[in-house]
Amino acid sequence: MSEKNVGKETVLEKRLDKTEKIVYSCISLDPIQFVTLFRSLKMNIDELQFALMKFKLAGMTQRLLNKYFIKKV
């Protein structure tokens, strides 16, 4: 995702469903661990893993060591 949009949703973000938007909104440029996401969102673990995989495949996020995630710019 090479678009640099400040305050605007990208085309990829507009295609997310409600659950995916909630998960994506919790991820930023500061690394957040999977367990932290899971505990704070209190959602089904399979749904969370699916959303994170979808973001990774779309180039929206990057997985770091120890299951940390960040948004890609």
C-alpha atoms as a PDB file:
ATOM      1  CA  MET A   1       0.000   0.000   0.000  1.00  0.00           C
ATOM      2  CA  SER A   2       1.896   3.039  -1.216  1.00  0.00           C
ATOM      3  CA  GLU A   3      -0.892   5.560  -0.673  1.00  0.00           C
ATOM      4  CA  LYS A   4      -0.126   8.203   1.939  1.00  0.00           C
ATOM      5  CA  ASN A   5      -3.507   9.320   3.213  1.00  0.00           C
ATOM      6  CA  VAL A   6      -3.699  11.296   6.413  1.00  0.00           C
ATOM      7  CA  GLY A   7      -7.206  11.242   7.854  1.00  0.00           C
ATOM      8  CA  LYS A   8      -8.659   9.382   4.844  1.00  0.00           C
ATOM      9  CA  GLU A   9      -9.550   5.737   4.370  1.00  0.00           C
ATOM     10  CA  THR A  10      -7.688   3.938   1.620  1.00  0.00           C
ATOM     11  CA  VAL A  11      -9.500   1.762  -0.909  1.00  0.00           C
ATOM     12  CA  LEU A  12      -8.416  -1.347   1.004  1.00  0.00           C
ATOM     13  CA  GLU A  13      -9.730   0.021   4.311  1.00  0.00           C
ATOM     14  CA  LYS A  14     -13.128   0.769   2.753  1.00  0.00           C
ATOM     15  CA  ARG A  15     -13.481  -2.915   1.798  1.00  0.00           C
ATOM     16  CA  LEU A  16     -13.155  -4.153   5.375  1.00  0.00           C
ATOM     17  CA  ASP A  17     -16.178  -5.490   7.221  1.00  0.00           C
ATOM     18  CA  LYS A  18     -17.181  -4.129  10.633  1.00  0.00           C
ATOM     19  CA  THR A  19     -15.094  -6.613  12.644  1.00  0.00           C
ATOM     20  CA  GLU A  20     -12.023  -6.076  10.469  1.00  0.00           C
ATOM     21  CA  LYS A  21     -12.334  -2.296  10.830  1.00  0.00           C
ATOM     22  CA  ILE A  22     -12.368  -2.666  14.618  1.00  0.00           C
ATOM     23  CA  VAL A  23      -9.240  -4.846  14.551  1.00  0.00           C
ATOM     24  CA  TYR A  24      -7.447  -2.576  12.060  1.00  0.00           C
ATOM     25  CA  SER A  25      -8.230   0.510  14.142  1.00  0.00           C
ATOM     26  CA  CYS A  26      -6.322  -1.048  17.064  1.00  0.00           C
ATOM     27  CA  ILE A  27      -3.140  -1.441  15.010  1.00  0.00           C
ATOM     28  CA  SER A  28      -0.841   1.540  14.532  1.00  0.00           C
ATOM     29  CA  LEU A  29       2.793   2.294  13.777  1.00  0.00           C
ATOM     30  CA  ASP A  30       3.568   1.316  17.372  1.00  0.00           C
ATOM     31  CA  PRO A  31       3.903  -2.471  17.659  1.00  0.00           C
ATOM     32  CA  ILE A  32       1.062  -4.277  19.409  1.00  0.00           C
ATOM     33  CA  GLN A  33       1.233  -7.908  20.458  1.00  0.00           C
ATOM     34  CA  PHE A  34      -1.352 -10.474  19.361  1.00  0.00           C
ATOM     35  CA  VAL A  35      -2.241 -11.324  22.967  1.00  0.00           C
ATOM     36  CA  THR A  36      -2.882  -7.646  23.713  1.00  0.00           C
ATOM     37  CA  LEU A  37      -5.215  -7.386  20.711  1.00  0.00           C
ATOM     38  CA  PHE A  38      -6.997 -10.584  21.721  1.00  0.00           C
ATOM     39  CA  ARG A  39      -7.537  -9.471  25.307  1.00  0.00           C
ATOM     40  CA  SER A  40      -8.595  -5.917  24.517  1.00  0.00           C
ATOM     41  CA  LEU A  41     -10.985  -6.841  21.692  1.00  0.00           C
ATOM     42  CA  LYS A  42     -12.482  -9.879  23.468  1.00  0.00           C
ATOM     43  CA  MET A  43     -13.309 -11.500  20.152  1.00  0.00           C
ATOM     44  CA  ASN A  44     -13.126 -15.002  18.732  1.00  0.00           C
ATOM     45  CA  ILE A  45      -9.471 -15.970  18.250  1.00  0.00           C
ATOM     46  CA  ASP A  46     -10.153 -17.415  14.781  1.00  0.00           C
ATOM     47  CA  GLU A  47     -11.768 -14.167  13.604  1.00  0.00           C
ATOM     48  CA  LEU A  48      -8.818 -12.169  14.909  1.00  0.00           C
ATOM     49  CA  GLN A  49      -6.279 -14.439  13.220  1.00  0.00           C
ATOM     50  CA  PHE A  50      -8.246 -14.328   9.963  1.00  0.00           C
ATOM     51  CA  ALA A  51      -8.382 -10.516  10.012  1.00  0.00           C
ATOM     52  CA  LEU A  52      -4.651 -10.242  10.722  1.00  0.00           C
ATOM     53  CA  MET A  53      -3.843 -12.676   7.911  1.00  0.00           C
ATOM     54  CA  LYS A  54      -6.069 -10.718   5.525  1.00  0.00           C
ATOM     55  CA  PHE A  55      -4.277  -7.473   6.454  1.00  0.00           C
ATOM     56  CA  LYS A  56      -0.883  -9.091   5.949  1.00  0.00           C
ATOM     57  CA  LEU A  57      -1.799 -10.514   2.533  1.00  0.00           C
ATOM     58  CA  ALA A  58      -3.212  -7.142   1.456  1.00  0.00           C
ATOM     59  CA  GLY A  59       0.016  -5.424   2.521  1.00  0.00           C
ATOM     60  CA  MET A  60      -1.767  -3.377   5.182  1.00  0.00           C
ATOM     61  CA  THR A  61       0.181  -4.678   8.183  1.00  0.00           C
ATOM     62  CA  GLN A  62       3.465  -6.324   8.958  1.00  0.00           C
ATOM     63  CA  ARG A  63       4.107  -9.056  11.510  1.00  0.00           C
ATOM     64  CA  LEU A  64       7.210  -8.542  13.614  1.00  0.00           C
ATOM     65  CA  LEU A  65       8.993 -10.891  16.005  1.00  0.00           C
ATOM     66  CA  ASN A  66       7.064 -12.325  18.960  1.00  0.00           C
ATOM     67  CA  LYS A  67       3.693 -11.876  17.233  1.00  0.00           C
ATOM     68  CA  TYR A  68       3.783  -8.067  17.199  1.00  0.00           C
ATOM     69  CA  PHE A  69       1.920  -6.234  14.440  1.00  0.00           C
ATOM     70  CA  ILE A  70       2.238  -2.749  12.932  1.00  0.00           C
ATOM     71  CA  LYS A  71       0.510  -0.857  10.122  1.00  0.00           C
ATOM     72  CA  LYS A  72       2.449  -0.463   6.905  1.00  0.00           C
ATOM     73  CA  VAL A  73       2.656   3.014   5.466  1.00  0.00           C
END
